[in-house]
Amino acid sequence: LRAALNGISKETHYFAEELKQQLCKL
């Protein structure tokens, strides 16, 4: 469970960066 929570933590950070980069690119 800890691993899953840490995984979604990293994923939400990655998603924010991905969206931010896409918006900057546009």
PDB file of all heavy atoms in Angstrom:
ATOM      1  N   LEU A   1       0.837  -1.199   0.000  1.00  0.00           N
ATOM      2  CA  LEU A   1       0.000   0.000   0.000  1.00  0.00           C
ATOM      3  C   LEU A   1       0.872   1.250   0.000  1.00  0.00           C
ATOM      4  O   LEU A   1       0.594   2.205  -0.708  1.00  0.00           O
ATOM      5  CB  LEU A   1      -0.955  -0.007   1.194  1.00  0.00           C
ATOM      6  CG  LEU A   1      -1.931   1.154   1.301  1.00  0.00           C
ATOM      7  CD1 LEU A   1      -2.764   1.303   0.022  1.00  0.00           C
ATOM      8  CD2 LEU A   1      -2.844   0.955   2.501  1.00  0.00           C
ATOM      9  N   ARG A   2       1.915   1.242   0.782  1.00  0.00           N
ATOM     10  CA  ARG A   2       2.848   2.377   0.802  1.00  0.00           C
ATOM     11  C   ARG A   2       3.448   2.583  -0.584  1.00  0.00           C
ATOM     12  O   ARG A   2       3.544   3.717  -1.063  1.00  0.00           O
ATOM     13  CB  ARG A   2       3.953   2.149   1.823  1.00  0.00           C
ATOM     14  CG  ARG A   2       4.977   3.288   1.827  1.00  0.00           C
ATOM     15  CD  ARG A   2       6.055   3.026   2.814  1.00  0.00           C
ATOM     16  NE  ARG A   2       5.520   3.388   4.118  1.00  0.00           N
ATOM     17  CZ  ARG A   2       6.259   3.647   5.160  1.00  0.00           C
ATOM     18  NH1 ARG A   2       7.561   3.578   5.077  1.00  0.00           N
ATOM     19  NH2 ARG A   2       5.700   3.984   6.298  1.00  0.00           N
ATOM     20  N   ALA A   3       3.833   1.488  -1.225  1.00  0.00           N
ATOM     21  CA  ALA A   3       4.406   1.577  -2.571  1.00  0.00           C
ATOM     22  C   ALA A   3       3.389   2.162  -3.557  1.00  0.00           C
ATOM     23  O   ALA A   3       3.743   2.988  -4.405  1.00  0.00           O
ATOM     24  CB  ALA A   3       4.877   0.204  -3.041  1.00  0.00           C
ATOM     25  N   ALA A   4       2.133   1.760  -3.440  1.00  0.00           N
ATOM     26  CA  ALA A   4       1.087   2.279  -4.336  1.00  0.00           C
ATOM     27  C   ALA A   4       0.870   3.774  -4.096  1.00  0.00           C
ATOM     28  O   ALA A   4       0.706   4.550  -5.044  1.00  0.00           O
ATOM     29  CB  ALA A   4      -0.219   1.521  -4.143  1.00  0.00           C
ATOM     30  N   LEU A   5       0.875   4.195  -2.833  1.00  0.00           N
ATOM     31  CA  LEU A   5       0.703   5.619  -2.511  1.00  0.00           C
ATOM     32  C   LEU A   5       1.894   6.440  -3.013  1.00  0.00           C
ATOM     33  O   LEU A   5       1.717   7.530  -3.559  1.00  0.00           O
ATOM     34  CB  LEU A   5       0.511   5.814  -1.007  1.00  0.00           C
ATOM     35  CG  LEU A   5      -0.837   5.340  -0.468  1.00  0.00           C
ATOM     36  CD1 LEU A   5      -0.796   5.214   1.049  1.00  0.00           C
ATOM     37  CD2 LEU A   5      -1.950   6.279  -0.898  1.00  0.00           C
ATOM     38  N   ASN A   6       3.094   5.906  -2.831  1.00  0.00           N
ATOM     39  CA  ASN A   6       4.272   6.608  -3.351  1.00  0.00           C
ATOM     40  C   ASN A   6       4.255   6.639  -4.878  1.00  0.00           C
ATOM     41  O   ASN A   6       4.673   7.625  -5.488  1.00  0.00           O
ATOM     42  CB  ASN A   6       5.557   5.968  -2.832  1.00  0.00           C
ATOM     43  CG  ASN A   6       5.833   6.332  -1.385  1.00  0.00           C
ATOM     44  OD1 ASN A   6       5.518   7.428  -0.934  1.00  0.00           O
ATOM     45  ND2 ASN A   6       6.412   5.402  -0.645  1.00  0.00           N
ATOM     46  N   GLY A   7       3.723   5.578  -5.478  1.00  0.00           N
ATOM     47  CA  GLY A   7       3.620   5.535  -6.940  1.00  0.00           C
ATOM     48  C   GLY A   7       2.670   6.594  -7.474  1.00  0.00           C
ATOM     49  O   GLY A   7       2.991   7.300  -8.435  1.00  0.00           O
ATOM     50  N   ILE A   8       1.507   6.736  -6.852  1.00  0.00           N
ATOM     51  CA  ILE A   8       0.555   7.746  -7.333  1.00  0.00           C
ATOM     52  C   ILE A   8       1.074   9.150  -7.021  1.00  0.00           C
ATOM     53  O   ILE A   8       0.812  10.093  -7.763  1.00  0.00           O
ATOM     54  CB  ILE A   8      -0.878   7.518  -6.807  1.00  0.00           C
ATOM     55  CG1 ILE A   8      -1.870   8.330  -7.658  1.00  0.00           C
ATOM     56  CG2 ILE A   8      -0.998   7.851  -5.345  1.00  0.00           C
ATOM     57  CD1 ILE A   8      -3.320   7.987  -7.417  1.00  0.00           C
ATOM     58  N   SER A   9       1.860   9.270  -5.964  1.00  0.00           N
ATOM     59  CA  SER A   9       2.483  10.556  -5.659  1.00  0.00           C
ATOM     60  C   SER A   9       3.410  10.974  -6.804  1.00  0.00           C
ATOM     61  O   SER A   9       3.346  12.101  -7.297  1.00  0.00           O
ATOM     62  CB  SER A   9       3.280  10.453  -4.349  1.00  0.00           C
ATOM     63  OG  SER A   9       4.073  11.595  -4.167  1.00  0.00           O
ATOM     64  N   LYS A  10       4.241  10.052  -7.233  1.00  0.00           N
ATOM     65  CA  LYS A  10       5.159  10.342  -8.342  1.00  0.00           C
ATOM     66  C   LYS A  10       4.387  10.574  -9.639  1.00  0.00           C
ATOM     67  O   LYS A  10       4.750  11.430 -10.446  1.00  0.00           O
ATOM     68  CB  LYS A  10       6.148   9.193  -8.518  1.00  0.00           C
ATOM     69  CG  LYS A  10       7.152   9.121  -7.397  1.00  0.00           C
ATOM     70  CD  LYS A  10       8.048   7.913  -7.534  1.00  0.00           C
ATOM     71  CE  LYS A  10       8.959   7.864  -6.316  1.00  0.00           C
ATOM     72  NZ  LYS A  10       9.537   6.555  -6.123  1.00  0.00           N
ATOM     73  N   GLU A  11       3.322   9.800  -9.818  1.00  0.00           N
ATOM     74  CA  GLU A  11       2.533   9.919 -11.042  1.00  0.00           C
ATOM     75  C   GLU A  11       1.840  11.290 -11.123  1.00  0.00           C
ATOM     76  O   GLU A  11       1.830  11.913 -12.180  1.00  0.00           O
ATOM     77  CB  GLU A  11       1.505   8.794 -11.092  1.00  0.00           C
ATOM     78  CG  GLU A  11       0.947   8.573 -12.464  1.00  0.00           C
ATOM     79  CD  GLU A  11       0.219   7.243 -12.555  1.00  0.00           C
ATOM     80  OE1 GLU A  11      -0.749   7.034 -11.794  1.00  0.00           O
ATOM     81  OE2 GLU A  11       0.597   6.433 -13.411  1.00  0.00           O
ATOM     82  N   THR A  12       1.257  11.762 -10.023  1.00  0.00           N
ATOM     83  CA  THR A  12       0.595  13.067 -10.072  1.00  0.00           C
ATOM     84  C   THR A  12       1.608  14.180 -10.346  1.00  0.00           C
ATOM     85  O   THR A  12       1.310  15.131 -11.055  1.00  0.00           O
ATOM     86  CB  THR A  12      -0.201  13.366  -8.784  1.00  0.00           C
ATOM     87  OG1 THR A  12       0.644  13.254  -7.648  1.00  0.00           O
ATOM     88  CG2 THR A  12      -1.408  12.443  -8.650  1.00  0.00           C
ATOM     89  N   HIS A  13       2.819  14.031  -9.795  1.00  0.00           N
ATOM     90  CA  HIS A  13       3.877  15.009 -10.076  1.00  0.00           C
ATOM     91  C   HIS A  13       4.234  14.977 -11.568  1.00  0.00           C
ATOM     92  O   HIS A  13       4.338  16.025 -12.218  1.00  0.00           O
ATOM     93  CB  HIS A  13       5.114  14.722  -9.223  1.00  0.00           C
ATOM     94  CG  HIS A  13       6.275  15.588  -9.552  1.00  0.00           C
ATOM     95  ND1 HIS A  13       6.334  16.912  -9.171  1.00  0.00           N
ATOM     96  CD2 HIS A  13       7.414  15.346 -10.243  1.00  0.00           C
ATOM     97  CE1 HIS A  13       7.460  17.445  -9.617  1.00  0.00           C
ATOM     98  NE2 HIS A  13       8.125  16.511 -10.266  1.00  0.00           N
ATOM     99  N   TYR A  14       4.392  13.779 -12.098  1.00  0.00           N
ATOM    100  CA  TYR A  14       4.700  13.624 -13.513  1.00  0.00           C
ATOM    101  C   TYR A  14       3.586  14.196 -14.382  1.00  0.00           C
ATOM    102  O   TYR A  14       3.854  14.880 -15.379  1.00  0.00           O
ATOM    103  CB  TYR A  14       4.933  12.143 -13.847  1.00  0.00           C
ATOM    104  CG  TYR A  14       5.069  11.895 -15.323  1.00  0.00           C
ATOM    105  CD1 TYR A  14       6.249  12.203 -15.990  1.00  0.00           C
ATOM    106  CD2 TYR A  14       4.001  11.382 -16.062  1.00  0.00           C
ATOM    107  CE1 TYR A  14       6.373  11.992 -17.350  1.00  0.00           C
ATOM    108  CE2 TYR A  14       4.114  11.170 -17.426  1.00  0.00           C
ATOM    109  CZ  TYR A  14       5.309  11.478 -18.062  1.00  0.00           C
ATOM    110  OH  TYR A  14       5.415  11.282 -19.421  1.00  0.00           O
ATOM    111  N   PHE A  15       2.334  13.927 -14.017  1.00  0.00           N
ATOM    112  CA  PHE A  15       1.201  14.435 -14.789  1.00  0.00           C
ATOM    113  C   PHE A  15       1.186  15.962 -14.807  1.00  0.00           C
ATOM    114  O   PHE A  15       0.916  16.577 -15.836  1.00  0.00           O
ATOM    115  CB  PHE A  15      -0.122  13.907 -14.244  1.00  0.00           C
ATOM    116  CG  PHE A  15      -0.377  12.459 -14.527  1.00  0.00           C
ATOM    117  CD1 PHE A  15      -1.414  11.793 -13.908  1.00  0.00           C
ATOM    118  CD2 PHE A  15       0.415  11.726 -15.409  1.00  0.00           C
ATOM    119  CE1 PHE A  15      -1.678  10.456 -14.161  1.00  0.00           C
ATOM    120  CE2 PHE A  15       0.177  10.389 -15.673  1.00  0.00           C
ATOM    121  CZ  PHE A  15      -0.867   9.752 -15.040  1.00  0.00           C
ATOM    122  N   ALA A  16       1.476  16.575 -13.659  1.00  0.00           N
ATOM    123  CA  ALA A  16       1.512  18.044 -13.597  1.00  0.00           C
ATOM    124  C   ALA A  16       2.604  18.577 -14.526  1.00  0.00           C
ATOM    125  O   ALA A  16       2.375  19.527 -15.277  1.00  0.00           O
ATOM    126  CB  ALA A  16       1.745  18.511 -12.164  1.00  0.00           C
ATOM    127  N   GLU A  17       3.774  17.962 -14.475  1.00  0.00           N
ATOM    128  CA  GLU A  17       4.877  18.411 -15.332  1.00  0.00           C
ATOM    129  C   GLU A  17       4.558  18.202 -16.809  1.00  0.00           C
ATOM    130  O   GLU A  17       4.854  19.050 -17.645  1.00  0.00           O
ATOM    131  CB  GLU A  17       6.175  17.687 -14.952  1.00  0.00           C
ATOM    132  CG  GLU A  17       6.726  18.105 -13.608  1.00  0.00           C
ATOM    133  CD  GLU A  17       7.006  19.597 -13.517  1.00  0.00           C
ATOM    134  OE1 GLU A  17       7.625  20.163 -14.452  1.00  0.00           O
ATOM    135  OE2 GLU A  17       6.584  20.206 -12.512  1.00  0.00           O
ATOM    136  N   GLU A  18       3.925  17.074 -17.124  1.00  0.00           N
ATOM    137  CA  GLU A  18       3.556  16.778 -18.506  1.00  0.00           C
ATOM    138  C   GLU A  18       2.565  17.814 -19.044  1.00  0.00           C
ATOM    139  O   GLU A  18       2.729  18.323 -20.159  1.00  0.00           O
ATOM    140  CB  GLU A  18       2.959  15.374 -18.573  1.00  0.00           C
ATOM    141  CG  GLU A  18       2.603  14.905 -19.967  1.00  0.00           C
ATOM    142  CD  GLU A  18       2.044  13.496 -19.978  1.00  0.00           C
ATOM    143  OE1 GLU A  18       1.274  13.136 -19.049  1.00  0.00           O
ATOM    144  OE2 GLU A  18       2.365  12.754 -20.919  1.00  0.00           O
ATOM    145  N   LEU A  19       1.548  18.135 -18.258  1.00  0.00           N
ATOM    146  CA  LEU A  19       0.568  19.146 -18.682  1.00  0.00           C
ATOM    147  C   LEU A  19       1.217  20.522 -18.803  1.00  0.00           C
ATOM    148  O   LEU A  19       0.954  21.261 -19.758  1.00  0.00           O
ATOM    149  CB  LEU A  19      -0.603  19.206 -17.701  1.00  0.00           C
ATOM    150  CG  LEU A  19      -1.606  18.069 -17.788  1.00  0.00           C
ATOM    151  CD1 LEU A  19      -2.632  18.184 -16.662  1.00  0.00           C
ATOM    152  CD2 LEU A  19      -2.307  18.062 -19.138  1.00  0.00           C
ATOM    153  N   LYS A  20       2.054  20.858 -17.845  1.00  0.00           N
ATOM    154  CA  LYS A  20       2.731  22.159 -17.863  1.00  0.00           C
ATOM    155  C   LYS A  20       3.598  22.294 -19.123  1.00  0.00           C
ATOM    156  O   LYS A  20       3.557  23.316 -19.810  1.00  0.00           O
ATOM    157  CB  LYS A  20       3.579  22.324 -16.612  1.00  0.00           C
ATOM    158  CG  LYS A  20       4.212  23.664 -16.463  1.00  0.00           C
ATOM    159  CD  LYS A  20       4.948  23.775 -15.144  1.00  0.00           C
ATOM    160  CE  LYS A  20       5.627  25.112 -15.025  1.00  0.00           C
ATOM    161  NZ  LYS A  20       6.374  25.239 -13.775  1.00  0.00           N
ATOM    162  N   GLN A  21       4.358  21.240 -19.432  1.00  0.00           N
ATOM    163  CA  GLN A  21       5.197  21.267 -20.637  1.00  0.00           C
ATOM    164  C   GLN A  21       4.359  21.378 -21.898  1.00  0.00           C
ATOM    165  O   GLN A  21       4.708  22.100 -22.829  1.00  0.00           O
ATOM    166  CB  GLN A  21       6.078  20.022 -20.699  1.00  0.00           C
ATOM    167  CG  GLN A  21       7.202  20.039 -19.694  1.00  0.00           C
ATOM    168  CD  GLN A  21       8.002  18.751 -19.711  1.00  0.00           C
ATOM    169  OE1 GLN A  21       7.763  17.849 -20.526  1.00  0.00           O
ATOM    170  NE2 GLN A  21       8.947  18.640 -18.807  1.00  0.00           N
ATOM    171  N   GLN A  22       3.243  20.658 -21.937  1.00  0.00           N
ATOM    172  CA  GLN A  22       2.372  20.705 -23.110  1.00  0.00           C
ATOM    173  C   GLN A  22       1.786  22.110 -23.287  1.00  0.00           C
ATOM    174  O   GLN A  22       1.732  22.630 -24.396  1.00  0.00           O
ATOM    175  CB  GLN A  22       1.249  19.663 -22.980  1.00  0.00           C
ATOM    176  CG  GLN A  22       0.382  19.518 -24.195  1.00  0.00           C
ATOM    177  CD  GLN A  22       1.104  18.889 -25.378  1.00  0.00           C
ATOM    178  OE1 GLN A  22       2.111  18.234 -25.240  1.00  0.00           O
ATOM    179  NE2 GLN A  22       0.575  19.106 -26.558  1.00  0.00           N
ATOM    180  N   LEU A  23       1.364  22.722 -22.195  1.00  0.00           N
ATOM    181  CA  LEU A  23       0.814  24.075 -22.269  1.00  0.00           C
ATOM    182  C   LEU A  23       1.890  25.076 -22.696  1.00  0.00           C
ATOM    183  O   LEU A  23       1.622  25.985 -23.490  1.00  0.00           O
ATOM    184  CB  LEU A  23       0.192  24.478 -20.929  1.00  0.00           C
ATOM    185  CG  LEU A  23      -1.122  23.776 -20.592  1.00  0.00           C
ATOM    186  CD1 LEU A  23      -1.494  24.005 -19.129  1.00  0.00           C
ATOM    187  CD2 LEU A  23      -2.242  24.229 -21.505  1.00  0.00           C
ATOM    188  N   CYS A  24       3.102  24.917 -22.194  1.00  0.00           N
ATOM    189  CA  CYS A  24       4.212  25.796 -22.607  1.00  0.00           C
ATOM    190  C   CYS A  24       4.501  25.618 -24.097  1.00  0.00           C
ATOM    191  O   CYS A  24       4.704  26.594 -24.819  1.00  0.00           O
ATOM    192  CB  CYS A  24       5.461  25.493 -21.802  1.00  0.00           C
ATOM    193  SG  CYS A  24       5.440  26.158 -20.133  1.00  0.00           S
ATOM    194  N   LYS A  25       4.508  24.377 -24.548  1.00  0.00           N
ATOM    195  CA  LYS A  25       4.752  24.065 -25.962  1.00  0.00           C
ATOM    196  C   LYS A  25       3.707  24.731 -26.857  1.00  0.00           C
ATOM    197  O   LYS A  25       4.007  25.170 -27.962  1.00  0.00           O
ATOM    198  CB  LYS A  25       4.736  22.548 -26.136  1.00  0.00           C
ATOM    199  CG  LYS A  25       5.014  22.055 -27.515  1.00  0.00           C
ATOM    200  CD  LYS A  25       5.001  20.535 -27.513  1.00  0.00           C
ATOM    201  CE  LYS A  25       4.824  20.007 -28.901  1.00  0.00           C
ATOM    202  NZ  LYS A  25       4.701  18.538 -28.910  1.00  0.00           N
ATOM    203  N   LEU A  26       2.469  24.808 -26.352  1.00  0.00           N
ATOM    204  CA  LEU A  26       1.392  25.433 -27.124  1.00  0.00           C
ATOM    205  C   LEU A  26       1.396  26.959 -26.991  1.00  0.00           C
ATOM    206  O   LEU A  26       0.581  27.635 -27.603  1.00  0.00           O
ATOM    207  CB  LEU A  26       0.038  24.870 -26.677  1.00  0.00           C
ATOM    208  CG  LEU A  26      -0.180  23.389 -26.970  1.00  0.00           C
ATOM    209  CD1 LEU A  26      -1.442  22.884 -26.290  1.00  0.00           C
ATOM    210  CD2 LEU A  26      -0.235  23.138 -28.472  1.00  0.00           C
TER     211      LEU A  26
END
